[in-house]
């Protein structure tokens, strides 16, 4: 599904144009690292880096069941995933908002495991087992979550352009 795309002129340079969804999606697909923000039970944010995979119009990540982000997701599924670069005047930063939903279907998990392995040239290897990933050489499972975007914000920096993509 293609989102509705609009330029936020308040935070863009005069004459800037909205960044096309295809370009924003490519940045998300190619990102080697993202940052996820979840919310603790007491309302405090928790931010941590992770690796994510874009597949079938959604962003996916995994985490151990006892890690803080998994604990947070038990009471609040709302998340923000960010990626981009830490330069001021070049690149494209992207923010994905949505809700994290656990993925347990074996066939889907296998497709995701294959995507992780392919994206990082074999560095991330998972076996699918009992509705979760089992990392190689690990003694614990990794829960897999899907985030269907509800809103994606992008910030182009060569010509400053703030763009909103609503789903």
C-alpha atoms as a PDB file:
ATOM      1  CA  UNK A   1       0.000   0.000   0.000  1.00  0.00           C
ATOM      2  CA  UNK A   2       1.360   3.398  -0.962  1.00  0.00           C
ATOM      3  CA  UNK A   3       1.126   6.041   1.756  1.00  0.00           C
ATOM      4  CA  UNK A   4      -0.201   9.565   1.414  1.00  0.00           C
ATOM      5  CA  UNK A   5       2.919  11.736   1.173  1.00  0.00           C
ATOM      6  CA  UNK A   6       3.115  15.413   2.083  1.00  0.00           C
ATOM      7  CA  UNK A   7       5.850  17.966   2.658  1.00  0.00           C
ATOM      8  CA  UNK A   8       5.866  19.707   6.045  1.00  0.00           C
ATOM      9  CA  UNK A   9       6.712  23.217   4.874  1.00  0.00           C
ATOM     10  CA  UNK A  10       7.200  24.462   8.453  1.00  0.00           C
ATOM     11  CA  UNK A  11      10.366  22.352   8.767  1.00  0.00           C
ATOM     12  CA  UNK A  12      11.525  22.474   5.145  1.00  0.00           C
ATOM     13  CA  UNK A  13      13.542  24.958   3.116  1.00  0.00           C
ATOM     14  CA  UNK A  14      11.668  27.142   0.637  1.00  0.00           C
ATOM     15  CA  UNK A  15      11.392  25.293  -2.653  1.00  0.00           C
ATOM     16  CA  UNK A  16      11.942  21.850  -1.085  1.00  0.00           C
ATOM     17  CA  UNK A  17       9.923  18.917  -2.369  1.00  0.00           C
ATOM     18  CA  UNK A  18       8.562  15.911  -0.498  1.00  0.00           C
ATOM     19  CA  UNK A  19      10.877  12.909  -0.472  1.00  0.00           C
ATOM     20  CA  UNK A  20       9.232  10.120  -2.503  1.00  0.00           C
ATOM     21  CA  UNK A  21       8.106   7.047  -0.567  1.00  0.00           C
ATOM     22  CA  UNK A  22      10.264   4.754  -2.739  1.00  0.00           C
ATOM     23  CA  UNK A  23      13.404   6.625  -1.661  1.00  0.00           C
ATOM     24  CA  UNK A  24      12.425   6.550   2.023  1.00  0.00           C
ATOM     25  CA  UNK A  25      11.557   2.848   1.869  1.00  0.00           C
ATOM     26  CA  UNK A  26      14.944   2.112   0.273  1.00  0.00           C
ATOM     27  CA  UNK A  27      16.749   3.809   3.177  1.00  0.00           C
ATOM     28  CA  UNK A  28      14.793   1.625   5.624  1.00  0.00           C
ATOM     29  CA  UNK A  29      15.461  -1.529   3.590  1.00  0.00           C
ATOM     30  CA  UNK A  30      19.193  -0.834   3.303  1.00  0.00           C
ATOM     31  CA  UNK A  31      19.773   0.285   6.914  1.00  0.00           C
ATOM     32  CA  UNK A  32      22.410  -1.803   8.661  1.00  0.00           C
ATOM     33  CA  UNK A  33      21.342  -0.498  12.065  1.00  0.00           C
ATOM     34  CA  UNK A  34      18.217   1.072  13.497  1.00  0.00           C
ATOM     35  CA  UNK A  35      17.219   2.352  16.906  1.00  0.00           C
ATOM     36  CA  UNK A  36      14.017   1.308  18.632  1.00  0.00           C
ATOM     37  CA  UNK A  37      12.161   3.261  21.271  1.00  0.00           C
ATOM     38  CA  UNK A  38       9.732   1.413  23.527  1.00  0.00           C
ATOM     39  CA  UNK A  39       7.946   2.651  26.640  1.00  0.00           C
ATOM     40  CA  UNK A  40       8.425   1.222  30.124  1.00  0.00           C
ATOM     41  CA  UNK A  41       5.428   0.533  32.360  1.00  0.00           C
ATOM     42  CA  UNK A  42       6.123   3.780  34.274  1.00  0.00           C
ATOM     43  CA  UNK A  43       6.155   5.819  31.020  1.00  0.00           C
ATOM     44  CA  UNK A  44       9.927   6.265  30.681  1.00  0.00           C
ATOM     45  CA  UNK A  45      11.294   5.671  27.183  1.00  0.00           C
ATOM     46  CA  UNK A  46      13.820   2.937  26.448  1.00  0.00           C
ATOM     47  CA  UNK A  47      16.046   3.302  23.357  1.00  0.00           C
ATOM     48  CA  UNK A  48      18.405   0.662  22.014  1.00  0.00           C
ATOM     49  CA  UNK A  49      20.093  -0.200  18.705  1.00  0.00           C
ATOM     50  CA  UNK A  50      19.064  -3.258  16.729  1.00  0.00           C
ATOM     51  CA  UNK A  51      19.076  -4.765  13.269  1.00  0.00           C
ATOM     52  CA  UNK A  52      15.789  -4.807  11.379  1.00  0.00           C
ATOM     53  CA  UNK A  53      14.458  -6.258   8.139  1.00  0.00           C
ATOM     54  CA  UNK A  54      11.855  -4.741   5.809  1.00  0.00           C
ATOM     55  CA  UNK A  55       9.616  -7.448   4.341  1.00  0.00           C
ATOM     56  CA  UNK A  56       6.103  -7.346   2.877  1.00  0.00           C
ATOM     57  CA  UNK A  57       5.540  -3.691   3.712  1.00  0.00           C
ATOM     58  CA  UNK A  58       6.560  -3.961   7.376  1.00  0.00           C
ATOM     59  CA  UNK A  59       9.654  -3.562   9.494  1.00  0.00           C
ATOM     60  CA  UNK A  60      10.687  -6.580  11.601  1.00  0.00           C
ATOM     61  CA  UNK A  61      13.017  -6.955  14.564  1.00  0.00           C
ATOM     62  CA  UNK A  62      13.810  -9.608  17.140  1.00  0.00           C
ATOM     63  CA  UNK A  63      14.685  -9.571  20.820  1.00  0.00           C
ATOM     64  CA  UNK A  64      15.160 -11.929  23.726  1.00  0.00           C
ATOM     65  CA  UNK A  65      12.051 -12.463  25.852  1.00  0.00           C
ATOM     66  CA  UNK A  66      13.724 -10.999  28.942  1.00  0.00           C
ATOM     67  CA  UNK A  67      15.302  -7.957  27.248  1.00  0.00           C
ATOM     68  CA  UNK A  68      13.893  -4.567  28.279  1.00  0.00           C
ATOM     69  CA  UNK A  69      12.217  -3.905  24.938  1.00  0.00           C
ATOM     70  CA  UNK A  70      10.334  -7.234  25.089  1.00  0.00           C
ATOM     71  CA  UNK A  71       9.293  -6.528  28.682  1.00  0.00           C
ATOM     72  CA  UNK A  72       8.045  -3.091  27.602  1.00  0.00           C
ATOM     73  CA  UNK A  73       6.102  -4.495  24.654  1.00  0.00           C
ATOM     74  CA  UNK A  74       4.059  -6.714  26.969  1.00  0.00           C
ATOM     75  CA  UNK A  75       2.266  -3.640  28.308  1.00  0.00           C
ATOM     76  CA  UNK A  76       2.622  -1.132  25.441  1.00  0.00           C
ATOM     77  CA  UNK A  77       3.101  -2.243  21.815  1.00  0.00           C
ATOM     78  CA  UNK A  78       3.694   1.283  20.457  1.00  0.00           C
ATOM     79  CA  UNK A  79       7.205   1.754  19.057  1.00  0.00           C
ATOM     80  CA  UNK A  80       9.316   4.150  17.059  1.00  0.00           C
ATOM     81  CA  UNK A  81      12.164   2.854  14.902  1.00  0.00           C
ATOM     82  CA  UNK A  82      14.704   5.302  13.517  1.00  0.00           C
ATOM     83  CA  UNK A  83      17.575   5.085  11.085  1.00  0.00           C
ATOM     84  CA  UNK A  84      19.673   7.449   9.017  1.00  0.00           C
ATOM     85  CA  UNK A  85      23.034   9.069   9.480  1.00  0.00           C
ATOM     86  CA  UNK A  86      24.592  11.373  12.023  1.00  0.00           C
ATOM     87  CA  UNK A  87      25.615  14.129   9.641  1.00  0.00           C
ATOM     88  CA  UNK A  88      23.951  17.530   9.579  1.00  0.00           C
ATOM     89  CA  UNK A  89      23.913  18.391   5.887  1.00  0.00           C
ATOM     90  CA  UNK A  90      23.668  15.132   3.948  1.00  0.00           C
ATOM     91  CA  UNK A  91      21.659  11.947   3.941  1.00  0.00           C
ATOM     92  CA  UNK A  92      18.136  11.020   4.902  1.00  0.00           C
ATOM     93  CA  UNK A  93      16.885  10.256   8.410  1.00  0.00           C
ATOM     94  CA  UNK A  94      13.752   8.121   8.773  1.00  0.00           C
ATOM     95  CA  UNK A  95      11.361   7.579  11.678  1.00  0.00           C
ATOM     96  CA  UNK A  96       8.833   4.718  11.559  1.00  0.00           C
ATOM     97  CA  UNK A  97       5.893   4.755  13.974  1.00  0.00           C
ATOM     98  CA  UNK A  98       3.629   1.781  14.613  1.00  0.00           C
ATOM     99  CA  UNK A  99       2.733  -1.085  16.921  1.00  0.00           C
ATOM    100  CA  UNK A 100       4.892  -4.165  17.389  1.00  0.00           C
ATOM    101  CA  UNK A 101       2.983  -7.424  16.886  1.00  0.00           C
ATOM    102  CA  UNK A 102       4.593 -10.780  17.580  1.00  0.00           C
ATOM    103  CA  UNK A 103       5.191 -13.063  14.583  1.00  0.00           C
ATOM    104  CA  UNK A 104       4.874 -16.793  15.331  1.00  0.00           C
ATOM    105  CA  UNK A 105       3.911 -18.381  11.990  1.00  0.00           C
ATOM    106  CA  UNK A 106       6.649 -20.836  11.030  1.00  0.00           C
ATOM    107  CA  UNK A 107       6.606 -20.146   7.274  1.00  0.00           C
ATOM    108  CA  UNK A 108       6.728 -16.395   7.805  1.00  0.00           C
ATOM    109  CA  UNK A 109       9.507 -16.751  10.382  1.00  0.00           C
ATOM    110  CA  UNK A 110      11.503 -18.814   7.891  1.00  0.00           C
ATOM    111  CA  UNK A 111      11.146 -16.095   5.236  1.00  0.00           C
ATOM    112  CA  UNK A 112      12.317 -13.556   7.806  1.00  0.00           C
ATOM    113  CA  UNK A 113      15.261 -15.722   8.891  1.00  0.00           C
ATOM    114  CA  UNK A 114      16.263 -15.982   5.226  1.00  0.00           C
ATOM    115  CA  UNK A 115      15.961 -12.191   4.852  1.00  0.00           C
ATOM    116  CA  UNK A 116      18.200 -11.584   7.892  1.00  0.00           C
ATOM    117  CA  UNK A 117      20.818 -14.015   6.599  1.00  0.00           C
ATOM    118  CA  UNK A 118      20.772 -12.447   3.115  1.00  0.00           C
ATOM    119  CA  UNK A 119      20.841  -8.822   4.240  1.00  0.00           C
ATOM    120  CA  UNK A 120      23.960  -9.254   6.382  1.00  0.00           C
ATOM    121  CA  UNK A 121      25.800 -11.752   4.157  1.00  0.00           C
ATOM    122  CA  UNK A 122      25.237 -14.610   6.584  1.00  0.00           C
ATOM    123  CA  UNK A 123      26.256 -12.745   9.738  1.00  0.00           C
ATOM    124  CA  UNK A 124      22.775 -13.091  11.304  1.00  0.00           C
ATOM    125  CA  UNK A 125      21.684 -16.722  11.284  1.00  0.00           C
ATOM    126  CA  UNK A 126      18.515 -17.964  12.905  1.00  0.00           C
ATOM    127  CA  UNK A 127      16.778 -21.311  13.063  1.00  0.00           C
ATOM    128  CA  UNK A 128      12.989 -21.247  13.333  1.00  0.00           C
ATOM    129  CA  UNK A 129      11.795 -23.151  16.369  1.00  0.00           C
ATOM    130  CA  UNK A 130       8.506 -23.114  18.305  1.00  0.00           C
ATOM    131  CA  UNK A 131       7.265 -19.763  16.956  1.00  0.00           C
ATOM    132  CA  UNK A 132      10.548 -17.911  17.499  1.00  0.00           C
ATOM    133  CA  UNK A 133      14.109 -17.582  16.246  1.00  0.00           C
ATOM    134  CA  UNK A 134      16.902 -19.598  17.800  1.00  0.00           C
ATOM    135  CA  UNK A 135      20.179 -17.756  17.166  1.00  0.00           C
ATOM    136  CA  UNK A 136      23.107 -20.006  16.303  1.00  0.00           C
ATOM    137  CA  UNK A 137      25.250 -20.808  19.350  1.00  0.00           C
ATOM    138  CA  UNK A 138      22.647 -19.408  21.740  1.00  0.00           C
ATOM    139  CA  UNK A 139      20.683 -21.039  24.518  1.00  0.00           C
ATOM    140  CA  UNK A 140      17.654 -18.753  24.309  1.00  0.00           C
ATOM    141  CA  UNK A 141      14.989 -17.854  21.766  1.00  0.00           C
ATOM    142  CA  UNK A 142      14.512 -14.496  20.091  1.00  0.00           C
ATOM    143  CA  UNK A 143      10.956 -13.247  19.739  1.00  0.00           C
ATOM    144  CA  UNK A 144      10.182 -11.709  16.352  1.00  0.00           C
ATOM    145  CA  UNK A 145       7.984  -8.633  15.946  1.00  0.00           C
ATOM    146  CA  UNK A 146       6.400  -6.899  12.966  1.00  0.00           C
ATOM    147  CA  UNK A 147       5.795  -3.152  12.834  1.00  0.00           C
ATOM    148  CA  UNK A 148       3.325  -2.056  10.170  1.00  0.00           C
ATOM    149  CA  UNK A 149       3.967   1.649   9.740  1.00  0.00           C
ATOM    150  CA  UNK A 150       1.164   4.009  10.669  1.00  0.00           C
ATOM    151  CA  UNK A 151       3.289   7.078   9.991  1.00  0.00           C
ATOM    152  CA  UNK A 152       6.789   7.525   8.592  1.00  0.00           C
ATOM    153  CA  UNK A 153       8.680  10.798   8.839  1.00  0.00           C
ATOM    154  CA  UNK A 154      11.739  11.542   6.752  1.00  0.00           C
ATOM    155  CA  UNK A 155      14.213  14.383   6.946  1.00  0.00           C
ATOM    156  CA  UNK A 156      16.305  15.091   3.860  1.00  0.00           C
ATOM    157  CA  UNK A 157      19.382  17.161   4.642  1.00  0.00           C
ATOM    158  CA  UNK A 158      20.996  18.353   1.392  1.00  0.00           C
ATOM    159  CA  UNK A 159      17.936  20.530   0.856  1.00  0.00           C
ATOM    160  CA  UNK A 160      16.117  20.360   4.154  1.00  0.00           C
ATOM    161  CA  UNK A 161      12.795  18.656   3.517  1.00  0.00           C
ATOM    162  CA  UNK A 162      10.564  17.210   6.214  1.00  0.00           C
ATOM    163  CA  UNK A 163       8.160  14.689   4.692  1.00  0.00           C
ATOM    164  CA  UNK A 164       5.263  12.792   6.262  1.00  0.00           C
ATOM    165  CA  UNK A 165       4.006   9.473   4.880  1.00  0.00           C
ATOM    166  CA  UNK A 166       0.637   8.346   6.355  1.00  0.00           C
ATOM    167  CA  UNK A 167      -0.694   4.824   5.895  1.00  0.00           C
END
